[in-house]
C-alpha atoms as a PDB file:
ATOM      1  CA  MET A   1    -119.988   4.106  21.053  1.00  0.00           C
ATOM      2  CA  SER A   2    -117.281   5.048  18.603  1.00  0.00           C
ATOM      3  CA  CYS A   3    -118.900   8.431  18.002  1.00  0.00           C
ATOM      4  CA  LEU A   4    -118.727   9.649  21.609  1.00  0.00           C
ATOM      5  CA  PRO A   5    -115.056  10.759  21.621  1.00  0.00           C
ATOM      6  CA  PHE A   6    -115.965  12.974  18.682  1.00  0.00           C
ATOM      7  CA  PHE A   7    -117.899  15.312  20.964  1.00  0.00           C
ATOM      8  CA  ALA A   8    -115.037  15.604  23.434  1.00  0.00           C
ATOM      9  CA  GLU A   9    -112.903  17.282  20.773  1.00  0.00           C
ATOM     10  CA  PHE A  10    -114.928  20.499  20.879  1.00  0.00           C
ATOM     11  CA  ASP A  11    -113.553  23.271  23.073  1.00  0.00           C
ATOM     12  CA  GLY A  12    -113.923  27.023  23.349  1.00  0.00           C
ATOM     13  CA  ALA A  13    -110.941  27.809  21.112  1.00  0.00           C
ATOM     14  CA  MET A  14    -112.242  25.595  18.305  1.00  0.00           C
ATOM     15  CA  LEU A  15    -115.704  27.117  18.611  1.00  0.00           C
ATOM     16  CA  GLU A  16    -114.265  30.624  18.421  1.00  0.00           C
ATOM     17  CA  ARG A  17    -112.207  29.759  15.336  1.00  0.00           C
ATOM     18  CA  TRP A  18    -115.306  28.429  13.596  1.00  0.00           C
ATOM     19  CA  ALA A  19    -117.297  31.517  14.545  1.00  0.00           C
ATOM     20  CA  GLN A  20    -114.535  33.770  13.168  1.00  0.00           C
ATOM     21  CA  ALA A  21    -114.518  31.768   9.938  1.00  0.00           C
ATOM     22  CA  ILE A  22    -118.238  32.375   9.524  1.00  0.00           C
ATOM     23  CA  GLY A  23    -117.797  36.140   9.399  1.00  0.00           C
ATOM     24  CA  PRO A  24    -115.801  39.038  10.812  1.00  0.00           C
ATOM     25  CA  ASP A  25    -118.846  40.619  12.426  1.00  0.00           C
ATOM     26  CA  TRP A  26    -119.859  37.605  14.515  1.00  0.00           C
ATOM     27  CA  HIS A  27    -121.172  38.135  18.026  1.00  0.00           C
ATOM     28  CA  ASN A  28    -123.381  36.356  20.551  1.00  0.00           C
ATOM     29  CA  TYR A  29    -126.155  35.320  18.207  1.00  0.00           C
ATOM     30  CA  HIS A  30    -123.594  33.894  15.768  1.00  0.00           C
ATOM     31  CA  ILE A  31    -122.208  31.762  18.580  1.00  0.00           C
ATOM     32  CA  ALA A  32    -125.724  30.716  19.604  1.00  0.00           C
ATOM     33  CA  SER A  33    -126.687  29.737  16.064  1.00  0.00           C
ATOM     34  CA  LEU A  34    -123.420  27.810  15.639  1.00  0.00           C
ATOM     35  CA  LEU A  35    -123.998  25.943  18.895  1.00  0.00           C
ATOM     36  CA  SER A  36    -127.590  25.136  17.947  1.00  0.00           C
ATOM     37  CA  VAL A  37    -126.499  23.771  14.554  1.00  0.00           C
ATOM     38  CA  LEU A  38    -123.771  21.648  16.153  1.00  0.00           C
ATOM     39  CA  LEU A  39    -126.145  20.261  18.771  1.00  0.00           C
ATOM     40  CA  ILE A  40    -129.092  19.549  16.509  1.00  0.00           C
ATOM     41  CA  SER A  41    -126.872  18.083  13.761  1.00  0.00           C
ATOM     42  CA  SER A  42    -125.267  15.756  16.303  1.00  0.00           C
ATOM     43  CA  ILE A  43    -128.609  14.658  17.748  1.00  0.00           C
ATOM     44  CA  CYS A  44    -130.151  13.992  14.344  1.00  0.00           C
ATOM     45  CA  GLY A  45    -126.948  12.353  13.124  1.00  0.00           C
ATOM     46  CA  LEU A  46    -127.090   9.885  16.000  1.00  0.00           C
ATOM     47  CA  VAL A  47    -130.655   8.706  15.333  1.00  0.00           C
ATOM     48  CA  GLY A  48    -131.041   9.390  11.596  1.00  0.00           C
ATOM     49  CA  ALA A  49    -129.785   5.974  10.491  1.00  0.00           C
ATOM     50  CA  LEU A  50    -132.333   4.275  12.760  1.00  0.00           C
ATOM     51  CA  VAL A  51    -135.137   6.520  11.480  1.00  0.00           C
ATOM     52  CA  VAL A  52    -134.392   5.609   7.855  1.00  0.00           C
ATOM     53  CA  GLY A  53    -133.628   1.974   8.697  1.00  0.00           C
ATOM     54  CA  ASN A  54    -137.011   1.615  10.420  1.00  0.00           C
ATOM     55  CA  ARG A  55    -138.807   3.522   7.629  1.00  0.00           C
ATOM     56  CA  MET A  56    -140.001   6.186  10.062  1.00  0.00           C
ATOM     57  CA  ALA A  57    -139.503   9.293   7.914  1.00  0.00           C
ATOM     58  CA  PHE A  58    -143.262   9.924   7.689  1.00  0.00           C
ATOM     59  CA  PHE A  59    -143.579   9.170  11.401  1.00  0.00           C
ATOM     60  CA  SER A  60    -141.008  11.815  12.352  1.00  0.00           C
ATOM     61  CA  ASP A  61    -142.736  14.335  10.092  1.00  0.00           C
ATOM     62  CA  ALA A  62    -146.054  13.614  11.815  1.00  0.00           C
ATOM     63  CA  MET A  63    -144.388  14.066  15.213  1.00  0.00           C
ATOM     64  CA  ALA A  64    -143.175  17.505  14.187  1.00  0.00           C
ATOM     65  CA  HIS A  65    -146.585  18.642  13.014  1.00  0.00           C
ATOM     66  CA  CYS A  66    -148.214  17.329  16.191  1.00  0.00           C
ATOM     67  CA  ALA A  67    -146.545  20.333  17.820  1.00  0.00           C
ATOM     68  CA  PHE A  68    -149.619  22.313  16.727  1.00  0.00           C
ATOM     69  CA  ALA A  69    -151.730  20.250  19.114  1.00  0.00           C
ATOM     70  CA  GLY A  70    -149.000  20.236  21.775  1.00  0.00           C
ATOM     71  CA  ILE A  71    -148.828  24.033  21.822  1.00  0.00           C
ATOM     72  CA  SER A  72    -152.620  24.259  21.946  1.00  0.00           C
ATOM     73  CA  LEU A  73    -152.823  21.838  24.863  1.00  0.00           C
ATOM     74  CA  GLY A  74    -150.001  23.672  26.629  1.00  0.00           C
ATOM     75  CA  LEU A  75    -151.796  27.002  26.264  1.00  0.00           C
ATOM     76  CA  ILE A  76    -155.023  25.579  27.660  1.00  0.00           C
ATOM     77  CA  ILE A  77    -153.218  24.128  30.694  1.00  0.00           C
ATOM     78  CA  ALA A  78    -151.078  27.245  31.225  1.00  0.00           C
ATOM     79  CA  ILE A  79    -153.866  29.802  30.961  1.00  0.00           C
ATOM     80  CA  TYR A  80    -156.930  28.038  32.341  1.00  0.00           C
ATOM     81  CA  MET A  81    -155.290  25.755  34.923  1.00  0.00           C
ATOM     82  CA  LEU A  82    -152.061  27.525  35.980  1.00  0.00           C
ATOM     83  CA  GLY A  83    -153.133  31.149  35.544  1.00  0.00           C
ATOM     84  CA  PHE A  84    -150.440  32.163  33.033  1.00  0.00           C
ATOM     85  CA  THR A  85    -151.056  34.691  30.279  1.00  0.00           C
ATOM     86  CA  THR A  86    -149.797  34.737  26.688  1.00  0.00           C
ATOM     87  CA  ARG A  87    -147.220  37.293  27.866  1.00  0.00           C
ATOM     88  CA  SER A  88    -145.822  35.124  30.686  1.00  0.00           C
ATOM     89  CA  ASP A  89    -142.113  34.311  30.594  1.00  0.00           C
ATOM     90  CA  GLU A  90    -142.882  30.827  31.947  1.00  0.00           C
ATOM     91  CA  LEU A  91    -144.296  29.837  28.568  1.00  0.00           C
ATOM     92  CA  GLN A  92    -140.740  29.750  27.195  1.00  0.00           C
ATOM     93  CA  TRP A  93    -140.058  26.490  29.055  1.00  0.00           C
ATOM     94  CA  PHE A  94    -143.580  25.254  29.777  1.00  0.00           C
ATOM     95  CA  LEU A  95    -144.789  24.968  26.173  1.00  0.00           C
ATOM     96  CA  PRO A  96    -141.798  22.936  24.895  1.00  0.00           C
ATOM     97  CA  LEU A  97    -142.234  20.594  27.869  1.00  0.00           C
ATOM     98  CA  VAL A  98    -145.920  20.012  27.110  1.00  0.00           C
ATOM     99  CA  MET A  99    -145.129  19.632  23.403  1.00  0.00           C
ATOM    100  CA  ALA A 100    -142.542  16.941  24.141  1.00  0.00           C
ATOM    101  CA  LEU A 101    -144.784  15.004  26.530  1.00  0.00           C
ATOM    102  CA  PHE A 102    -147.734  15.249  24.162  1.00  0.00           C
ATOM    103  CA  GLY A 103    -145.562  14.160  21.225  1.00  0.00           C
ATOM    104  CA  ALA A 104    -144.339  11.136  23.163  1.00  0.00           C
ATOM    105  CA  ALA A 105    -147.946  10.209  24.008  1.00  0.00           C
ATOM    106  CA  VAL A 106    -148.964  10.555  20.356  1.00  0.00           C
ATOM    107  CA  GLY A 107    -146.021   8.400  19.262  1.00  0.00           C
ATOM    108  CA  VAL A 108    -146.952   5.651  21.706  1.00  0.00           C
ATOM    109  CA  GLY A 109    -150.583   5.943  20.587  1.00  0.00           C
ATOM    110  CA  ILE A 110    -149.631   5.515  16.938  1.00  0.00           C
ATOM    111  CA  ALA A 111    -147.551   2.443  17.741  1.00  0.00           C
ATOM    112  CA  PHE A 112    -150.331   0.946  19.883  1.00  0.00           C
ATOM    113  CA  VAL A 113    -153.065   1.448  17.278  1.00  0.00           C
ATOM    114  CA  ARG A 114    -150.794   0.122  14.533  1.00  0.00           C
ATOM    115  CA  GLU A 115    -150.041  -3.041  16.487  1.00  0.00           C
ATOM    116  CA  ASN A 116    -153.647  -3.703  17.509  1.00  0.00           C
ATOM    117  CA  THR A 117    -155.429  -3.036  14.217  1.00  0.00           C
ATOM    118  CA  GLY A 118    -155.053  -4.245  10.672  1.00  0.00           C
ATOM    119  CA  LEU A 119    -154.435  -0.727   9.377  1.00  0.00           C
ATOM    120  CA  ALA A 120    -151.269   0.196   7.511  1.00  0.00           C
ATOM    121  CA  SER A 121    -148.747   2.414   9.280  1.00  0.00           C
ATOM    122  CA  ASP A 122    -149.240   5.365   6.934  1.00  0.00           C
ATOM    123  CA  THR A 123    -153.003   5.224   7.505  1.00  0.00           C
ATOM    124  CA  VAL A 124    -152.675   5.301  11.290  1.00  0.00           C
ATOM    125  CA  ILE A 125    -150.101   8.087  11.149  1.00  0.00           C
ATOM    126  CA  GLY A 126    -152.348  10.049   8.778  1.00  0.00           C
ATOM    127  CA  VAL A 127    -155.284   9.854  11.202  1.00  0.00           C
ATOM    128  CA  PHE A 128    -153.206  11.095  14.148  1.00  0.00           C
ATOM    129  CA  PHE A 129    -151.623  13.725  11.919  1.00  0.00           C
ATOM    130  CA  ALA A 130    -155.036  15.072  10.871  1.00  0.00           C
ATOM    131  CA  ALA A 131    -156.319  15.080  14.457  1.00  0.00           C
ATOM    132  CA  ALA A 132    -153.298  17.011  15.731  1.00  0.00           C
ATOM    133  CA  ILE A 133    -153.394  19.597  12.954  1.00  0.00           C
ATOM    134  CA  GLY A 134    -157.148  20.060  13.347  1.00  0.00           C
ATOM    135  CA  PHE A 135    -156.988  20.506  17.113  1.00  0.00           C
ATOM    136  CA  GLY A 136    -154.066  22.918  16.822  1.00  0.00           C
ATOM    137  CA  ALA A 137    -155.719  25.017  14.130  1.00  0.00           C
ATOM    138  CA  MET A 138    -158.947  25.137  16.146  1.00  0.00           C
ATOM    139  CA  ILE A 139    -157.271  26.401  19.324  1.00  0.00           C
ATOM    140  CA  LEU A 140    -154.310  28.529  18.221  1.00  0.00           C
ATOM    141  CA  GLN A 141    -156.351  31.129  16.330  1.00  0.00           C
ATOM    142  CA  ALA A 142    -158.222  31.976  19.521  1.00  0.00           C
ATOM    143  CA  PHE A 143    -155.055  33.036  21.369  1.00  0.00           C
ATOM    144  CA  PRO A 144    -153.438  36.415  20.724  1.00  0.00           C
ATOM    145  CA  THR A 145    -149.687  36.468  20.226  1.00  0.00           C
ATOM    146  CA  GLY A 146    -147.911  37.864  23.301  1.00  0.00           C
ATOM    147  CA  ARG A 147    -144.488  39.172  24.133  1.00  0.00           C
ATOM    148  CA  SER A 148    -143.190  35.779  25.278  1.00  0.00           C
ATOM    149  CA  PHE A 149    -145.288  33.517  23.067  1.00  0.00           C
ATOM    150  CA  ASP A 150    -145.088  33.396  19.307  1.00  0.00           C
ATOM    151  CA  PRO A 151    -146.411  30.220  17.593  1.00  0.00           C
ATOM    152  CA  GLU A 152    -144.290  30.881  14.514  1.00  0.00           C
ATOM    153  CA  ARG A 153    -141.074  30.819  16.567  1.00  0.00           C
ATOM    154  CA  PHE A 154    -141.998  27.486  18.105  1.00  0.00           C
ATOM    155  CA  LEU A 155    -143.047  25.938  14.811  1.00  0.00           C
ATOM    156  CA  PHE A 156    -140.917  27.661  12.167  1.00  0.00           C
ATOM    157  CA  GLY A 157    -137.928  28.938  14.102  1.00  0.00           C
ATOM    158  CA  GLY A 158    -134.344  28.736  12.997  1.00  0.00           C
ATOM    159  CA  PRO A 159    -130.800  28.813  14.386  1.00  0.00           C
ATOM    160  CA  ASN A 160    -130.723  32.623  14.165  1.00  0.00           C
ATOM    161  CA  PHE A 161    -133.553  32.864  16.695  1.00  0.00           C
ATOM    162  CA  VAL A 162    -132.324  30.325  19.236  1.00  0.00           C
ATOM    163  CA  GLN A 163    -132.591  31.280  22.914  1.00  0.00           C
ATOM    164  CA  PRO A 164    -130.220  30.339  25.772  1.00  0.00           C
ATOM    165  CA  LEU A 165    -132.815  27.969  27.220  1.00  0.00           C
ATOM    166  CA  ASP A 166    -133.061  26.212  23.847  1.00  0.00           C
ATOM    167  CA  LEU A 167    -129.308  25.551  23.902  1.00  0.00           C
ATOM    168  CA  VAL A 168    -129.517  24.066  27.392  1.00  0.00           C
ATOM    169  CA  ILE A 169    -132.382  21.809  26.313  1.00  0.00           C
ATOM    170  CA  LEU A 170    -130.520  20.677  23.183  1.00  0.00           C
ATOM    171  CA  ALA A 171    -127.358  19.939  25.192  1.00  0.00           C
ATOM    172  CA  ILE A 172    -129.315  17.802  27.679  1.00  0.00           C
ATOM    173  CA  LEU A 173    -131.119  16.109  24.798  1.00  0.00           C
ATOM    174  CA  LEU A 174    -127.803  15.233  23.137  1.00  0.00           C
ATOM    175  CA  VAL A 175    -126.506  13.606  26.330  1.00  0.00           C
ATOM    176  CA  VAL A 176    -129.753  11.659  26.848  1.00  0.00           C
ATOM    177  CA  THR A 177    -129.764  10.490  23.224  1.00  0.00           C
ATOM    178  CA  ALA A 178    -126.140   9.320  23.397  1.00  0.00           C
ATOM    179  CA  LEU A 179    -126.762   7.445  26.662  1.00  0.00           C
ATOM    180  CA  ILE A 180    -129.850   5.666  25.323  1.00  0.00           C
ATOM    181  CA  LEU A 181    -127.996   4.626  22.166  1.00  0.00           C
ATOM    182  CA  VAL A 182    -125.058   3.320  24.205  1.00  0.00           C
ATOM    183  CA  TRP A 183    -127.585   1.351  26.248  1.00  0.00           C
ATOM    184  CA  ARG A 184    -129.774  -0.121  23.482  1.00  0.00           C
ATOM    185  CA  TYR A 185    -128.321   0.678  20.053  1.00  0.00           C
ATOM    186  CA  ASN A 186    -127.544  -2.958  19.130  1.00  0.00           C
ATOM    187  CA  ARG A 187    -131.060  -3.959  20.172  1.00  0.00           C
ATOM    188  CA  PHE A 188    -132.563  -1.182  18.053  1.00  0.00           C
ATOM    189  CA  VAL A 189    -130.562  -2.302  15.009  1.00  0.00           C
ATOM    190  CA  LEU A 190    -131.371  -6.002  15.441  1.00  0.00           C
ATOM    191  CA  ALA A 191    -135.081  -5.308  15.985  1.00  0.00           C
ATOM    192  CA  SER A 192    -135.247  -3.171  12.833  1.00  0.00           C
ATOM    193  CA  PHE A 193    -133.177  -5.575  10.706  1.00  0.00           C
ATOM    194  CA  ASN A 194    -134.793  -8.875  11.723  1.00  0.00           C
ATOM    195  CA  PRO A 195    -137.529  -8.787  14.388  1.00  0.00           C
ATOM    196  CA  SER A 196    -137.891 -12.583  14.399  1.00  0.00           C
ATOM    197  CA  LEU A 197    -134.178 -13.096  15.059  1.00  0.00           C
ATOM    198  CA  ALA A 198    -134.312 -10.411  17.750  1.00  0.00           C
ATOM    199  CA  ARG A 199    -137.159 -12.205  19.540  1.00  0.00           C
ATOM    200  CA  SER A 200    -135.338 -15.541  19.319  1.00  0.00           C
ATOM    201  CA  ARG A 201    -132.397 -13.922  21.130  1.00  0.00           C
ATOM    202  CA  GLY A 202    -134.580 -12.607  23.920  1.00  0.00           C
ATOM    203  CA  VAL A 203    -134.868  -9.020  22.696  1.00  0.00           C
ATOM    204  CA  SER A 204    -138.145  -7.323  23.592  1.00  0.00           C
ATOM    205  CA  VAL A 205    -138.960  -5.870  20.184  1.00  0.00           C
ATOM    206  CA  ALA A 206    -142.095  -4.089  21.392  1.00  0.00           C
ATOM    207  CA  LEU A 207    -140.279  -2.450  24.309  1.00  0.00           C
ATOM    208  CA  ASP A 208    -137.400  -1.304  22.102  1.00  0.00           C
ATOM    209  CA  SER A 209    -139.882   0.076  19.596  1.00  0.00           C
ATOM    210  CA  TYR A 210    -141.649   2.120  22.258  1.00  0.00           C
ATOM    211  CA  VAL A 211    -138.350   3.376  23.728  1.00  0.00           C
ATOM    212  CA  PHE A 212    -137.159   4.566  20.329  1.00  0.00           C
ATOM    213  CA  ILE A 213    -140.516   6.146  19.497  1.00  0.00           C
ATOM    214  CA  VAL A 214    -140.503   8.111  22.756  1.00  0.00           C
ATOM    215  CA  LEU A 215    -136.883   9.164  22.168  1.00  0.00           C
ATOM    216  CA  LEU A 216    -137.692  10.311  18.637  1.00  0.00           C
ATOM    217  CA  ALA A 217    -140.763  12.223  19.825  1.00  0.00           C
ATOM    218  CA  LEU A 218    -138.695  14.019  22.484  1.00  0.00           C
ATOM    219  CA  ILE A 219    -135.991  14.877  19.946  1.00  0.00           C
ATOM    220  CA  VAL A 220    -138.446  16.278  17.439  1.00  0.00           C
ATOM    221  CA  ASN A 221    -140.564  18.284  19.873  1.00  0.00           C
ATOM    222  CA  PHE A 222    -137.739  19.711  21.961  1.00  0.00           C
ATOM    223  CA  SER A 223    -135.774  20.612  18.824  1.00  0.00           C
ATOM    224  CA  ILE A 224    -138.394  22.373  16.733  1.00  0.00           C
ATOM    225  CA  SER A 225    -138.731  25.271  19.183  1.00  0.00           C
ATOM    226  CA  ALA A 226    -135.042  25.990  18.566  1.00  0.00           C
ATOM    227  CA  VAL A 227    -134.557  25.204  14.876  1.00  0.00           C
ATOM    228  CA  GLY A 228    -138.050  24.796  13.433  1.00  0.00           C
ATOM    229  CA  VAL A 229    -140.027  22.020  11.780  1.00  0.00           C
ATOM    230  CA  LEU A 230    -138.308  22.468   8.425  1.00  0.00           C
ATOM    231  CA  LEU A 231    -134.765  21.783   9.617  1.00  0.00           C
ATOM    232  CA  ILE A 232    -135.475  18.996  12.104  1.00  0.00           C
ATOM    233  CA  ASN A 233    -137.332  16.899   9.513  1.00  0.00           C
ATOM    234  CA  ALA A 234    -134.602  17.328   6.913  1.00  0.00           C
ATOM    235  CA  LEU A 235    -131.733  16.499   9.293  1.00  0.00           C
ATOM    236  CA  LEU A 236    -133.461  13.339  10.468  1.00  0.00           C
ATOM    237  CA  VAL A 237    -133.843  11.945   6.939  1.00  0.00           C
ATOM    238  CA  VAL A 238    -131.510  13.480   4.339  1.00  0.00           C
ATOM    239  CA  PRO A 239    -128.099  12.703   5.949  1.00  0.00           C
ATOM    240  CA  ALA A 240    -129.151   9.110   6.632  1.00  0.00           C
ATOM    241  CA  ALA A 241    -130.399   8.717   3.056  1.00  0.00           C
ATOM    242  CA  THR A 242    -127.055  10.079   1.840  1.00  0.00           C
ATOM    243  CA  ALA A 243    -125.129   7.717   4.117  1.00  0.00           C
ATOM    244  CA  SER A 244    -127.098   4.704   2.886  1.00  0.00           C
ATOM    245  CA  ASN A 245    -125.799   5.341  -0.642  1.00  0.00           C
ATOM    246  CA  VAL A 246    -122.150   5.102   0.406  1.00  0.00           C
ATOM    247  CA  SER A 247    -122.325   2.526   3.219  1.00  0.00           C
ATOM    248  CA  SER A 248    -122.038  -1.237   3.108  1.00  0.00           C
ATOM    249  CA  SER A 249    -123.089  -1.902   6.715  1.00  0.00           C
ATOM    250  CA  MET A 250    -125.272  -0.413   9.431  1.00  0.00           C
ATOM    251  CA  ARG A 251    -122.162   0.581  11.397  1.00  0.00           C
ATOM    252  CA  GLN A 252    -120.828   2.558   8.418  1.00  0.00           C
ATOM    253  CA  MET A 253    -124.230   4.104   7.848  1.00  0.00           C
ATOM    254  CA  PHE A 254    -124.374   5.253  11.467  1.00  0.00           C
ATOM    255  CA  ARG A 255    -120.977   6.953  11.232  1.00  0.00           C
ATOM    256  CA  TRP A 256    -121.576   8.528   7.839  1.00  0.00           C
ATOM    257  CA  THR A 257    -124.978   9.829   8.933  1.00  0.00           C
ATOM    258  CA  LEU A 258    -123.334  11.656  11.829  1.00  0.00           C
ATOM    259  CA  TYR A 259    -120.565  13.062   9.615  1.00  0.00           C
ATOM    260  CA  VAL A 260    -122.942  14.155   6.852  1.00  0.00           C
ATOM    261  CA  SER A 261    -125.360  15.739   9.329  1.00  0.00           C
ATOM    262  CA  LEU A 262    -122.591  17.770  10.986  1.00  0.00           C
ATOM    263  CA  GLY A 263    -121.030  18.653   7.633  1.00  0.00           C
ATOM    264  CA  SER A 264    -124.334  19.817   6.150  1.00  0.00           C
ATOM    265  CA  GLY A 265    -125.070  21.925   9.211  1.00  0.00           C
ATOM    266  CA  LEU A 266    -121.688  23.656   9.324  1.00  0.00           C
ATOM    267  CA  VAL A 267    -121.373  24.182   5.557  1.00  0.00           C
ATOM    268  CA  GLY A 268    -124.959  25.430   5.322  1.00  0.00           C
ATOM    269  CA  LEU A 269    -124.415  27.851   8.204  1.00  0.00           C
ATOM    270  CA  TYR A 270    -121.201  29.128   6.610  1.00  0.00           C
ATOM    271  CA  LEU A 271    -122.793  29.636   3.182  1.00  0.00           C
ATOM    272  CA  SER A 272    -125.826  31.398   4.642  1.00  0.00           C
ATOM    273  CA  ARG A 273    -123.454  33.910   6.232  1.00  0.00           C
ATOM    274  CA  ARG A 274    -121.234  34.349   3.174  1.00  0.00           C
ATOM    275  CA  LEU A 275    -123.714  34.297   0.294  1.00  0.00           C
ATOM    276  CA  ASN A 276    -126.217  37.104  -0.167  1.00  0.00           C
ATOM    277  CA  PHE A 277    -128.375  38.731  -2.783  1.00  0.00           C
ATOM    278  CA  THR A 278    -129.754  42.239  -3.212  1.00  0.00           C
ATOM    279  CA  ILE A 279    -133.374  43.364  -3.009  1.00  0.00           C
ATOM    280  CA  ASN A 280    -134.047  47.043  -3.741  1.00  0.00           C
ATOM    281  CA  GLY A 281    -130.386  47.815  -3.206  1.00  0.00           C
ATOM    282  CA  GLU A 282    -130.313  46.151   0.228  1.00  0.00           C
ATOM    283  CA  PRO A 283    -128.171  43.021   0.757  1.00  0.00           C
ATOM    284  CA  ARG A 284    -130.040  39.993   2.101  1.00  0.00           C
ATOM    285  CA  GLN A 285    -128.708  36.732   3.499  1.00  0.00           C
ATOM    286  CA  PHE A 286    -130.034  33.309   2.643  1.00  0.00           C
ATOM    287  CA  GLY A 287    -132.071  31.560   5.343  1.00  0.00           C
ATOM    288  CA  VAL A 288    -129.945  29.303   7.533  1.00  0.00           C
ATOM    289  CA  SER A 289    -132.368  26.376   7.721  1.00  0.00           C
ATOM    290  CA  GLY A 290    -133.061  26.385   3.990  1.00  0.00           C
ATOM    291  CA  THR A 291    -129.362  26.616   3.137  1.00  0.00           C
ATOM    292  CA  ILE A 292    -128.505  23.678   5.401  1.00  0.00           C
ATOM    293  CA  ILE A 293    -131.242  21.612   3.789  1.00  0.00           C
ATOM    294  CA  CYS A 294    -130.112  22.493   0.262  1.00  0.00           C
ATOM    295  CA  VAL A 295    -126.526  21.531   1.140  1.00  0.00           C
ATOM    296  CA  GLY A 296    -127.782  18.218   2.501  1.00  0.00           C
ATOM    297  CA  VAL A 297    -129.826  17.504  -0.632  1.00  0.00           C
ATOM    298  CA  LEU A 298    -126.827  18.336  -2.839  1.00  0.00           C
ATOM    299  CA  GLY A 299    -124.810  15.886  -0.768  1.00  0.00           C
ATOM    300  CA  PHE A 300    -127.480  13.251  -1.362  1.00  0.00           C
ATOM    301  CA  ALA A 301    -127.290  13.839  -5.128  1.00  0.00           C
ATOM    302  CA  LEU A 302    -123.495  13.553  -4.979  1.00  0.00           C
ATOM    303  CA  SER A 303    -123.743  10.297  -3.035  1.00  0.00           C
ATOM    304  CA  MET A 304    -126.034   8.878  -5.722  1.00  0.00           C
ATOM    305  CA  GLY A 305    -123.393   9.681  -8.326  1.00  0.00           C
ATOM    306  CA  LEU A 306    -120.657   8.083  -6.234  1.00  0.00           C
ATOM    307  CA  ALA A 307    -122.776   4.980  -5.664  1.00  0.00           C
ATOM    308  CA  TYR A 308    -123.433   4.684  -9.408  1.00  0.00           C
ATOM    309  CA  LEU A 309    -119.729   5.031 -10.234  1.00  0.00           C
ATOM    310  CA  GLY A 310    -118.886   2.446  -7.600  1.00  0.00           C
ATOM    311  CA  ARG A 311    -121.294  -0.072  -9.135  1.00  0.00           C
ATOM    312  CA  ARG A 312    -119.873   0.596 -12.590  1.00  0.00           C
ATOM    313  CA  PHE A 313    -116.276   0.045 -11.442  1.00  0.00           C
ATOM    314  CA  ARG A 314    -117.219  -3.197  -9.674  1.00  0.00           C
ATOM    315  CA  ARG A 315    -118.845  -4.516 -12.843  1.00  0.00           C
ATOM    316  CA  LEU A 316    -115.811  -3.602 -14.931  1.00  0.00           C
ATOM    317  CA  GLY A 317    -113.500  -5.212 -12.404  1.00  0.00           C
END
């Protein structure tokens, strides 16, 4: 893939220069938040074009909110089957693992029901969405928050709260995502663009659909514990929507999605560090996730303007 050499350009000196640019008082958590933004922006940038191209924005949102049920199931298994408590350190890695596996199972279930019934995709997704939210809300309120387990961190976390284990998971996830796209990216694109043509060329459309659904479920569920539901949903959709306004081919859209995702993440992180407001005489910083999303949406608005001007110039020419 043409995007892979891009990742090889990052080294410690470059990372340190970026961290220094963010603020003079940077330290370990600044580095951790920068790394998390780079990793999650790269992951979402790689798959965002396929998510938008396959009209799976609502699907990815449902996957994120299924984390409620994933956490609930993980707690039941951990406490009643493995003997953990809500204060056990093992929950830091066990819950994200159960969330990811459960999310992948839900994604496959949605695809299976959609293919074997006459129901519309949004209807099937809505049913699974409601079931996951209901199960999560039923179970989570019964568990007290412990030292090592906080549902809000898993569901509404942000780059400022990322843990070392989260960075390791995101790094592995980036490698896995890149390898799968190198392996089957052309098949994914052909199956989304023209399923009939893909079948005529021997492409297993159903298999590719399930592979991408599982990959997307793993990305969403492993990422939200590090950066939260809010940011993962936005980075999967907004950069790809922006790229579609300025691209004339799927290849261009793929590249621009990656660039816009990384640009939004880095600019949003920088602005959240630099811009602040005062409440009761105390300076406050803007939230990192919200700032990144706002930067991405502004980029989308700018791309709409550029696309409009491009159409106008072509008509005049």
